[in-house]
């Protein structure tokens, strides 16, 4: 009986301690403001940051599918965006793509927690850029 009681207490403790009600699921919505952190790529594998380049950039995506891209606090792109989910390449890879008017091409994107990752997928020596959500 003691063994059964001990086993029951351990099981209840394990099930309760594994619950984490404080964690909120990360948002997978692109809507919001995103500050540029870095870009990595190019034929030389360069790493570019606001500090190394001497400027800031940010994207603002709105719920009505409009967006703005700011370079040095000046609007450089003012247009619309569209998202293609589960885009399959000829190599069999699957991506979510975003197209923004004025940016030139589609980019793969992933949102993890409050980080947005863009990646050039149609350019062999393209860049990948990291942005963080502005709260």
N, C-alpha and C. Protein backbone atom coordinates (compact mmCIF):
# COMPACT_ATOMS: atom_id res chain seq x y z
N UNK A 1 0.82 -1.20 0.00
CA UNK A 1 0.00 0.00 0.00
C UNK A 1 0.86 1.26 0.00
N UNK A 2 1.96 1.23 0.78
CA UNK A 2 2.85 2.39 0.80
C UNK A 2 3.45 2.63 -0.58
N UNK A 3 3.80 1.53 -1.24
CA UNK A 3 4.38 1.63 -2.58
C UNK A 3 3.39 2.28 -3.55
N UNK A 4 2.12 1.87 -3.47
CA UNK A 4 1.08 2.42 -4.32
C UNK A 4 0.87 3.90 -4.03
N UNK A 5 0.84 4.28 -2.76
CA UNK A 5 0.65 5.68 -2.38
C UNK A 5 1.81 6.55 -2.86
N UNK A 6 3.03 6.03 -2.68
CA UNK A 6 4.21 6.75 -3.13
C UNK A 6 4.20 6.94 -4.65
N UNK A 7 3.84 5.87 -5.37
CA UNK A 7 3.75 5.93 -6.82
C UNK A 7 2.70 6.94 -7.26
N UNK A 8 1.58 6.97 -6.60
CA UNK A 8 0.51 7.92 -6.91
C UNK A 8 0.98 9.35 -6.68
N UNK A 9 1.67 9.61 -5.57
CA UNK A 9 2.16 10.95 -5.27
C UNK A 9 3.18 11.39 -6.32
N UNK A 10 4.08 10.50 -6.72
CA UNK A 10 5.07 10.82 -7.73
C UNK A 10 4.41 11.12 -9.07
N UNK A 11 3.43 10.35 -9.46
CA UNK A 11 2.72 10.57 -10.73
C UNK A 11 1.99 11.91 -10.73
N UNK A 12 1.32 12.22 -9.63
CA UNK A 12 0.60 13.49 -9.54
C UNK A 12 1.59 14.65 -9.59
N UNK A 13 2.70 14.54 -8.86
CA UNK A 13 3.71 15.60 -8.86
C UNK A 13 4.28 15.81 -10.27
N UNK A 14 4.58 14.73 -10.95
CA UNK A 14 5.15 14.84 -12.31
C UNK A 14 4.16 15.47 -13.27
N UNK A 15 2.91 15.10 -13.18
CA UNK A 15 1.92 15.66 -14.11
C UNK A 15 1.66 17.13 -13.82
N UNK A 16 1.67 17.52 -12.56
CA UNK A 16 1.44 18.92 -12.21
C UNK A 16 2.66 19.76 -12.55
N UNK A 17 3.85 19.24 -12.28
CA UNK A 17 5.05 20.04 -12.54
C UNK A 17 5.32 20.19 -14.03
N UNK A 18 4.81 19.30 -14.85
CA UNK A 18 5.04 19.42 -16.30
C UNK A 18 4.12 20.46 -16.93
N UNK A 19 3.07 20.86 -16.25
CA UNK A 19 2.20 21.92 -16.77
C UNK A 19 2.87 23.26 -16.57
N UNK A 20 2.87 24.06 -17.59
CA UNK A 20 3.44 25.41 -17.51
C UNK A 20 2.42 26.37 -18.08
N UNK A 21 1.54 26.86 -17.22
CA UNK A 21 0.47 27.72 -17.68
C UNK A 21 0.93 29.15 -17.93
N UNK A 22 2.13 29.51 -17.49
CA UNK A 22 2.64 30.85 -17.67
C UNK A 22 3.13 31.10 -19.10
N UNK A 23 3.54 30.07 -19.80
CA UNK A 23 4.06 30.24 -21.15
C UNK A 23 2.93 30.47 -22.13
N UNK A 24 3.05 31.53 -22.88
CA UNK A 24 2.09 31.78 -23.95
C UNK A 24 2.69 31.27 -25.24
N UNK A 25 1.87 30.73 -26.11
CA UNK A 25 2.43 30.27 -27.39
C UNK A 25 2.95 31.46 -28.18
N UNK A 26 4.05 31.27 -28.91
CA UNK A 26 4.58 32.37 -29.71
C UNK A 26 3.60 32.75 -30.81
N UNK A 27 3.58 34.02 -31.15
CA UNK A 27 2.70 34.48 -32.21
C UNK A 27 3.34 34.17 -33.56
N UNK A 28 2.56 33.60 -34.45
CA UNK A 28 3.07 33.35 -35.79
C UNK A 28 2.53 34.39 -36.77
N UNK A 29 1.95 35.46 -36.22
CA UNK A 29 1.43 36.54 -37.05
C UNK A 29 2.55 37.51 -37.40
N UNK A 30 2.61 37.88 -38.64
CA UNK A 30 3.63 38.83 -39.08
C UNK A 30 3.20 40.27 -38.80
N UNK A 31 1.95 40.47 -38.45
CA UNK A 31 1.43 41.81 -38.19
C UNK A 31 2.18 42.43 -37.00
N UNK A 32 2.68 43.63 -37.21
CA UNK A 32 3.41 44.34 -36.17
C UNK A 32 4.63 45.04 -36.73
N UNK A 33 5.45 45.55 -35.81
CA UNK A 33 6.68 46.24 -36.20
C UNK A 33 7.87 45.36 -35.88
N UNK A 34 8.82 45.33 -36.82
CA UNK A 34 9.99 44.45 -36.72
C UNK A 34 11.26 45.26 -36.95
N UNK A 35 12.17 45.21 -35.99
CA UNK A 35 13.45 45.93 -36.05
C UNK A 35 14.55 45.01 -36.55
N UNK A 36 15.33 45.50 -37.48
CA UNK A 36 16.43 44.74 -38.08
C UNK A 36 17.54 44.52 -37.06
N UNK A 37 18.02 43.27 -36.98
CA UNK A 37 19.11 42.90 -36.07
C UNK A 37 20.38 42.61 -36.87
N UNK A 38 20.25 41.78 -37.91
CA UNK A 38 21.42 41.46 -38.73
C UNK A 38 20.99 40.79 -40.02
N UNK A 39 21.93 40.80 -40.97
CA UNK A 39 21.79 40.07 -42.23
C UNK A 39 23.10 39.34 -42.47
N UNK A 40 22.99 38.10 -42.93
CA UNK A 40 24.17 37.29 -43.19
C UNK A 40 24.04 36.68 -44.57
N UNK A 41 25.12 36.73 -45.37
CA UNK A 41 25.09 36.08 -46.67
C UNK A 41 25.99 36.74 -47.67
N UNK A 42 25.60 36.59 -48.93
CA UNK A 42 26.42 37.09 -50.02
C UNK A 42 27.53 36.11 -50.34
N UNK A 43 28.21 36.35 -51.41
CA UNK A 43 29.26 35.43 -51.86
C UNK A 43 30.40 35.34 -50.84
N UNK A 44 30.59 36.39 -50.05
CA UNK A 44 31.65 36.39 -49.04
C UNK A 44 31.19 36.00 -47.65
N UNK A 45 29.90 35.68 -47.49
CA UNK A 45 29.38 35.32 -46.18
C UNK A 45 29.45 36.48 -45.19
N UNK A 46 29.09 37.66 -45.64
CA UNK A 46 29.17 38.86 -44.83
C UNK A 46 28.11 38.88 -43.73
N UNK A 47 28.43 39.53 -42.62
CA UNK A 47 27.47 39.79 -41.56
C UNK A 47 27.30 41.29 -41.45
N UNK A 48 26.07 41.76 -41.65
CA UNK A 48 25.75 43.18 -41.60
C UNK A 48 24.84 43.43 -40.41
N UNK A 49 25.11 44.47 -39.65
CA UNK A 49 24.29 44.85 -38.51
C UNK A 49 24.06 46.35 -38.55
N UNK A 50 23.12 46.85 -37.76
CA UNK A 50 22.96 48.31 -37.71
C UNK A 50 24.25 49.02 -37.29
N UNK A 51 25.01 48.39 -36.42
CA UNK A 51 26.27 49.02 -35.97
C UNK A 51 27.31 49.05 -37.09
N UNK A 52 27.47 47.92 -37.80
CA UNK A 52 28.50 47.89 -38.85
C UNK A 52 28.12 48.74 -40.06
N UNK A 53 26.82 48.88 -40.30
CA UNK A 53 26.36 49.63 -41.49
C UNK A 53 26.04 51.08 -41.20
N UNK A 54 25.84 51.41 -39.92
CA UNK A 54 25.56 52.80 -39.56
C UNK A 54 24.14 53.25 -39.82
N UNK A 55 23.20 52.32 -39.90
CA UNK A 55 21.79 52.69 -40.07
C UNK A 55 20.89 51.62 -39.48
N UNK A 56 19.64 52.00 -39.28
CA UNK A 56 18.62 51.07 -38.79
C UNK A 56 17.61 50.82 -39.90
N UNK A 57 16.90 49.72 -39.76
CA UNK A 57 15.82 49.37 -40.69
C UNK A 57 14.70 48.73 -39.89
N UNK A 58 13.51 48.85 -40.40
CA UNK A 58 12.39 48.12 -39.78
C UNK A 58 11.28 47.92 -40.80
N UNK A 59 10.53 46.86 -40.58
CA UNK A 59 9.34 46.56 -41.35
C UNK A 59 8.13 46.79 -40.46
N UNK A 60 7.05 47.30 -41.03
CA UNK A 60 5.77 47.41 -40.35
C UNK A 60 4.74 46.72 -41.23
N UNK A 61 4.15 45.65 -40.70
CA UNK A 61 3.11 44.89 -41.43
C UNK A 61 1.78 45.10 -40.71
N UNK A 62 0.77 45.50 -41.49
CA UNK A 62 -0.55 45.78 -40.93
C UNK A 62 -1.55 44.67 -41.28
N UNK A 63 -2.61 44.59 -40.50
CA UNK A 63 -3.62 43.55 -40.69
C UNK A 63 -4.34 43.67 -42.04
N UNK A 64 -4.33 44.86 -42.63
CA UNK A 64 -5.01 45.05 -43.93
C UNK A 64 -4.08 44.75 -45.12
N UNK A 65 -2.98 44.04 -44.87
CA UNK A 65 -2.00 43.63 -45.88
C UNK A 65 -1.20 44.78 -46.46
N UNK A 66 -1.15 45.90 -45.77
CA UNK A 66 -0.26 46.97 -46.18
C UNK A 66 1.02 46.87 -45.35
N UNK A 67 2.09 47.41 -45.90
CA UNK A 67 3.36 47.36 -45.18
C UNK A 67 4.20 48.57 -45.53
N UNK A 68 5.15 48.85 -44.65
CA UNK A 68 6.13 49.91 -44.88
C UNK A 68 7.49 49.38 -44.45
N UNK A 69 8.49 49.74 -45.22
CA UNK A 69 9.87 49.43 -44.87
C UNK A 69 10.59 50.74 -44.64
N UNK A 70 11.19 50.88 -43.46
CA UNK A 70 11.91 52.09 -43.10
C UNK A 70 13.41 51.83 -43.16
N UNK A 71 14.12 52.71 -43.82
CA UNK A 71 15.58 52.69 -43.87
C UNK A 71 16.04 54.04 -43.34
N UNK A 72 16.79 54.03 -42.25
CA UNK A 72 17.21 55.27 -41.59
C UNK A 72 16.00 56.14 -41.23
N UNK A 73 14.96 55.53 -40.71
CA UNK A 73 13.73 56.21 -40.28
C UNK A 73 12.97 56.90 -41.41
N UNK A 74 13.31 56.58 -42.66
CA UNK A 74 12.61 57.13 -43.82
C UNK A 74 11.92 55.98 -44.54
N UNK A 75 10.67 56.21 -44.95
CA UNK A 75 9.93 55.16 -45.65
C UNK A 75 10.58 54.92 -47.01
N UNK A 76 11.07 53.70 -47.21
CA UNK A 76 11.69 53.32 -48.48
C UNK A 76 10.74 52.50 -49.34
N UNK A 77 9.85 51.75 -48.70
CA UNK A 77 8.83 50.96 -49.40
C UNK A 77 7.50 51.21 -48.71
N UNK A 78 6.49 51.51 -49.47
CA UNK A 78 5.14 51.70 -48.95
C UNK A 78 4.21 50.95 -49.90
N UNK A 79 3.74 49.79 -49.47
CA UNK A 79 2.93 49.01 -50.39
C UNK A 79 2.11 47.95 -49.70
N UNK A 80 1.94 46.85 -50.39
CA UNK A 80 1.16 45.73 -49.87
C UNK A 80 2.03 44.49 -49.79
N UNK A 81 1.58 43.54 -48.99
CA UNK A 81 2.27 42.27 -48.91
C UNK A 81 1.27 41.13 -49.04
N UNK A 82 1.77 40.01 -49.51
CA UNK A 82 0.95 38.80 -49.58
C UNK A 82 1.81 37.63 -49.13
N UNK A 83 1.15 36.63 -48.60
CA UNK A 83 1.84 35.46 -48.06
C UNK A 83 1.36 34.21 -48.79
N UNK A 84 2.31 33.38 -49.19
CA UNK A 84 2.01 32.07 -49.78
C UNK A 84 2.48 31.03 -48.78
N UNK A 85 1.56 30.25 -48.27
CA UNK A 85 1.90 29.22 -47.29
C UNK A 85 2.27 27.93 -48.00
N UNK A 86 3.22 27.21 -47.43
CA UNK A 86 3.62 25.87 -47.90
C UNK A 86 4.03 25.84 -49.37
N UNK A 87 4.83 26.80 -49.79
CA UNK A 87 5.34 26.84 -51.15
C UNK A 87 6.38 25.73 -51.31
N UNK A 88 6.24 24.93 -52.35
CA UNK A 88 7.17 23.82 -52.58
C UNK A 88 8.10 24.15 -53.73
N UNK A 89 9.39 23.97 -53.47
CA UNK A 89 10.38 24.20 -54.52
C UNK A 89 10.58 22.93 -55.33
N UNK A 90 11.29 23.05 -56.42
CA UNK A 90 11.57 21.87 -57.25
C UNK A 90 12.46 20.88 -56.52
N UNK A 91 13.21 21.35 -55.53
CA UNK A 91 14.07 20.46 -54.73
C UNK A 91 13.30 19.76 -53.63
N UNK A 92 12.01 20.04 -53.53
CA UNK A 92 11.17 19.38 -52.53
C UNK A 92 11.10 20.08 -51.19
N UNK A 93 11.73 21.24 -51.06
CA UNK A 93 11.66 21.99 -49.81
C UNK A 93 10.34 22.76 -49.75
N UNK A 94 9.84 22.99 -48.55
CA UNK A 94 8.59 23.72 -48.36
C UNK A 94 8.87 24.95 -47.51
N UNK A 95 8.37 26.11 -47.95
CA UNK A 95 8.57 27.37 -47.26
C UNK A 95 7.26 28.14 -47.23
N UNK A 96 7.17 29.08 -46.29
CA UNK A 96 6.18 30.14 -46.36
C UNK A 96 6.88 31.32 -47.02
N UNK A 97 6.25 31.92 -48.01
CA UNK A 97 6.84 33.03 -48.74
C UNK A 97 6.08 34.31 -48.48
N UNK A 98 6.81 35.41 -48.51
CA UNK A 98 6.17 36.72 -48.43
C UNK A 98 6.62 37.52 -49.64
N UNK A 99 5.68 38.23 -50.23
CA UNK A 99 5.98 39.12 -51.33
C UNK A 99 5.54 40.51 -50.90
N UNK A 100 6.46 41.46 -50.99
CA UNK A 100 6.14 42.84 -50.67
C UNK A 100 6.37 43.69 -51.91
N UNK A 101 5.42 44.54 -52.23
CA UNK A 101 5.59 45.40 -53.40
C UNK A 101 6.82 46.26 -53.21
N UNK A 102 7.65 46.31 -54.23
CA UNK A 102 8.83 47.14 -54.18
C UNK A 102 10.08 46.45 -53.68
N UNK A 103 9.95 45.21 -53.19
CA UNK A 103 11.14 44.55 -52.64
C UNK A 103 11.89 43.74 -53.69
N UNK A 104 11.27 43.44 -54.80
CA UNK A 104 11.98 42.75 -55.88
C UNK A 104 11.69 41.28 -56.02
N UNK A 105 11.54 40.54 -54.92
CA UNK A 105 11.28 39.11 -55.06
C UNK A 105 10.66 38.55 -53.79
N UNK A 106 10.13 37.35 -53.92
CA UNK A 106 9.61 36.65 -52.76
C UNK A 106 10.75 36.24 -51.85
N UNK A 107 10.47 36.17 -50.56
CA UNK A 107 11.44 35.67 -49.60
C UNK A 107 10.76 34.65 -48.71
N UNK A 108 11.54 33.62 -48.33
CA UNK A 108 11.04 32.68 -47.34
C UNK A 108 11.07 33.39 -45.99
N UNK A 109 10.09 33.06 -45.14
CA UNK A 109 10.12 33.65 -43.81
C UNK A 109 9.64 32.63 -42.78
N UNK A 110 10.15 32.83 -41.57
CA UNK A 110 9.77 32.02 -40.42
C UNK A 110 9.67 32.96 -39.23
N UNK A 111 8.67 32.75 -38.41
CA UNK A 111 8.55 33.51 -37.17
C UNK A 111 8.71 32.53 -36.02
N UNK A 112 9.68 32.82 -35.15
CA UNK A 112 9.90 32.01 -33.94
C UNK A 112 9.91 32.97 -32.77
N UNK A 113 8.99 32.72 -31.84
CA UNK A 113 8.82 33.61 -30.69
C UNK A 113 8.64 35.03 -31.21
N UNK A 114 9.52 35.94 -30.86
CA UNK A 114 9.38 37.31 -31.36
C UNK A 114 10.49 37.66 -32.34
N UNK A 115 10.93 36.67 -33.11
CA UNK A 115 11.95 36.89 -34.13
C UNK A 115 11.39 36.51 -35.50
N UNK A 116 11.71 37.33 -36.47
CA UNK A 116 11.28 37.12 -37.86
C UNK A 116 12.54 36.89 -38.68
N UNK A 117 12.56 35.80 -39.43
CA UNK A 117 13.72 35.45 -40.25
C UNK A 117 13.30 35.46 -41.72
N UNK A 118 13.96 36.29 -42.52
CA UNK A 118 13.77 36.31 -43.96
C UNK A 118 14.96 35.61 -44.60
N UNK A 119 14.72 34.95 -45.72
CA UNK A 119 15.82 34.31 -46.44
C UNK A 119 15.54 34.37 -47.94
N UNK A 120 16.54 34.81 -48.69
CA UNK A 120 16.45 34.79 -50.14
C UNK A 120 16.54 33.34 -50.58
N UNK A 121 15.54 32.83 -51.27
CA UNK A 121 15.61 31.43 -51.70
C UNK A 121 15.79 31.29 -53.20
N UNK A 122 15.59 32.35 -53.94
CA UNK A 122 15.74 32.27 -55.39
C UNK A 122 17.08 32.84 -55.85
N UNK A 123 17.94 33.21 -54.89
CA UNK A 123 19.26 33.76 -55.18
C UNK A 123 20.27 32.88 -54.45
N UNK A 124 21.17 32.26 -55.19
CA UNK A 124 22.07 31.26 -54.58
C UNK A 124 22.99 31.86 -53.52
N UNK A 125 23.41 33.08 -53.68
CA UNK A 125 24.28 33.69 -52.67
C UNK A 125 23.55 34.84 -51.96
N UNK A 126 22.26 34.64 -51.75
CA UNK A 126 21.44 35.67 -51.13
C UNK A 126 21.69 35.80 -49.64
N UNK A 127 20.97 36.69 -49.04
CA UNK A 127 21.11 36.99 -47.61
C UNK A 127 19.95 36.42 -46.81
N UNK A 128 20.22 36.17 -45.56
CA UNK A 128 19.20 35.87 -44.57
C UNK A 128 19.22 37.01 -43.57
N UNK A 129 18.05 37.52 -43.21
CA UNK A 129 17.97 38.66 -42.28
C UNK A 129 17.13 38.30 -41.07
N UNK A 130 17.53 38.84 -39.95
CA UNK A 130 16.83 38.62 -38.68
C UNK A 130 16.27 39.93 -38.18
N UNK A 131 15.01 39.91 -37.78
CA UNK A 131 14.32 41.05 -37.21
C UNK A 131 13.70 40.61 -35.88
N UNK A 132 13.54 41.55 -34.95
CA UNK A 132 12.84 41.25 -33.70
C UNK A 132 11.60 42.14 -33.61
N UNK A 133 10.58 41.58 -32.99
CA UNK A 133 9.31 42.31 -32.85
C UNK A 133 9.51 43.47 -31.89
N UNK A 134 9.02 44.64 -32.27
CA UNK A 134 9.04 45.81 -31.41
C UNK A 134 7.75 45.78 -30.60
N UNK A 135 7.89 45.82 -29.30
CA UNK A 135 6.69 45.71 -28.44
C UNK A 135 6.20 47.06 -28.03
